[in-house]
Every structure is written in structure tokens, then in C-alpha cells.
Amino acid sequence: MVKLKFRCGSCNWKFTRNFAPKLCPYCGKSSVAEDASQAADDLLREVDEGF
């Protein structure tokens, strides 16, 4: 089962789940979205490949 990365827009808590949560497990608010950010290593690798 694939785990997805999520981030709460209210408290910025980052967490992983294998399902889409409705509430943040830290603050309990409903401002959870899938985290589309990339790791710094991935970004640097993309830059190196582009040149």
C-alpha cells in the first residue's frame, strides 16, 4: 500500500497516511492537503539533469 504525504494548512504539520484524512491528526482542523513539495535532493538532481 502506498503512503501519501499530507500537510495541514493551519499548523503546517506534515504526516503520511495510506488514506486521505479529513482532519489533521495534530490540531484537528480540516485544512489538510496532499503535500506536493519535493525534497532538496530531488530538486538539485532535476537542476543538474537540466544542464
C-alpha atoms as a PDB file:
ATOM      1  CA  MET A   1       0.000   0.000   0.000  1.00  0.00           C
ATOM      2  CA  VAL A   2       1.353   3.416  -0.989  1.00  0.00           C
ATOM      3  CA  LYS A   3       1.609   6.109   1.676  1.00  0.00           C
ATOM      4  CA  LEU A   4       0.892   9.681   0.620  1.00  0.00           C
ATOM      5  CA  LYS A   5       2.331  12.830   2.178  1.00  0.00           C
ATOM      6  CA  PHE A   6      -0.042  15.414   3.632  1.00  0.00           C
ATOM      7  CA  ARG A   7       0.332  18.839   5.233  1.00  0.00           C
ATOM      8  CA  CYS A   8      -2.059  20.813   7.394  1.00  0.00           C
ATOM      9  CA  GLY A   9      -2.589  24.376   6.182  1.00  0.00           C
ATOM     10  CA  SER A  10      -3.374  25.577   9.708  1.00  0.00           C
ATOM     11  CA  CYS A  11      -0.493  24.202  11.780  1.00  0.00           C
ATOM     12  CA  ASN A  12       1.900  23.071   8.960  1.00  0.00           C
ATOM     13  CA  TRP A  13       2.119  19.564  10.456  1.00  0.00           C
ATOM     14  CA  LYS A  14       3.445  17.099   7.858  1.00  0.00           C
ATOM     15  CA  PHE A  15       2.426  13.452   8.046  1.00  0.00           C
ATOM     16  CA  THR A  16       1.892  10.353   5.894  1.00  0.00           C
ATOM     17  CA  ARG A  17      -1.168   8.147   5.543  1.00  0.00           C
ATOM     18  CA  ASN A  18      -2.357   5.420   3.210  1.00  0.00           C
ATOM     19  CA  PHE A  19      -5.748   7.169   3.018  1.00  0.00           C
ATOM     20  CA  ALA A  20      -6.904  10.766   2.603  1.00  0.00           C
ATOM     21  CA  PRO A  21      -7.607  12.158   6.091  1.00  0.00           C
ATOM     22  CA  LYS A  22     -10.414  14.630   6.715  1.00  0.00           C
ATOM     23  CA  LEU A  23      -8.814  16.182   9.810  1.00  0.00           C
ATOM     24  CA  CYS A  24      -5.265  16.991  10.863  1.00  0.00           C
ATOM     25  CA  PRO A  25      -4.088  14.444  13.457  1.00  0.00           C
ATOM     26  CA  TYR A  26      -2.212  17.210  15.313  1.00  0.00           C
ATOM     27  CA  CYS A  27      -4.601  20.179  15.513  1.00  0.00           C
ATOM     28  CA  GLY A  28      -7.897  18.582  14.406  1.00  0.00           C
ATOM     29  CA  LYS A  29      -8.683  21.190  11.743  1.00  0.00           C
ATOM     30  CA  SER A  30      -9.948  20.290   8.278  1.00  0.00           C
ATOM     31  CA  SER A  31      -7.294  22.149   6.278  1.00  0.00           C
ATOM     32  CA  VAL A  32      -5.388  19.028   5.170  1.00  0.00           C
ATOM     33  CA  ALA A  33      -3.999  18.836   1.632  1.00  0.00           C
ATOM     34  CA  GLU A  34      -1.645  16.491  -0.165  1.00  0.00           C
ATOM     35  CA  ASP A  35       1.934  17.726   0.214  1.00  0.00           C
ATOM     36  CA  ALA A  36       3.388  18.248  -3.264  1.00  0.00           C
ATOM     37  CA  SER A  37       6.725  19.623  -2.087  1.00  0.00           C
ATOM     38  CA  GLN A  38       9.908  17.912  -3.191  1.00  0.00           C
ATOM     39  CA  ALA A  39      12.971  17.085  -1.159  1.00  0.00           C
ATOM     40  CA  ALA A  40      16.003  19.321  -1.696  1.00  0.00           C
ATOM     41  CA  ASP A  41      17.989  16.409  -3.141  1.00  0.00           C
ATOM     42  CA  ASP A  42      15.291  15.810  -5.766  1.00  0.00           C
ATOM     43  CA  LEU A  43      15.261  19.491  -6.758  1.00  0.00           C
ATOM     44  CA  LEU A  44      19.059  19.602  -7.068  1.00  0.00           C
ATOM     45  CA  ARG A  45      19.042  16.430  -9.166  1.00  0.00           C
ATOM     46  CA  GLU A  46      16.493  17.992 -11.545  1.00  0.00           C
ATOM     47  CA  VAL A  47      18.642  21.121 -11.908  1.00  0.00           C
ATOM     48  CA  ASP A  48      21.775  19.057 -12.605  1.00  0.00           C
ATOM     49  CA  GLU A  49      19.975  16.989 -15.253  1.00  0.00           C
ATOM     50  CA  GLY A  50      18.706  20.128 -16.979  1.00  0.00           C
ATOM     51  CA  PHE A  51      22.181  21.497 -17.702  1.00  0.00           C
END
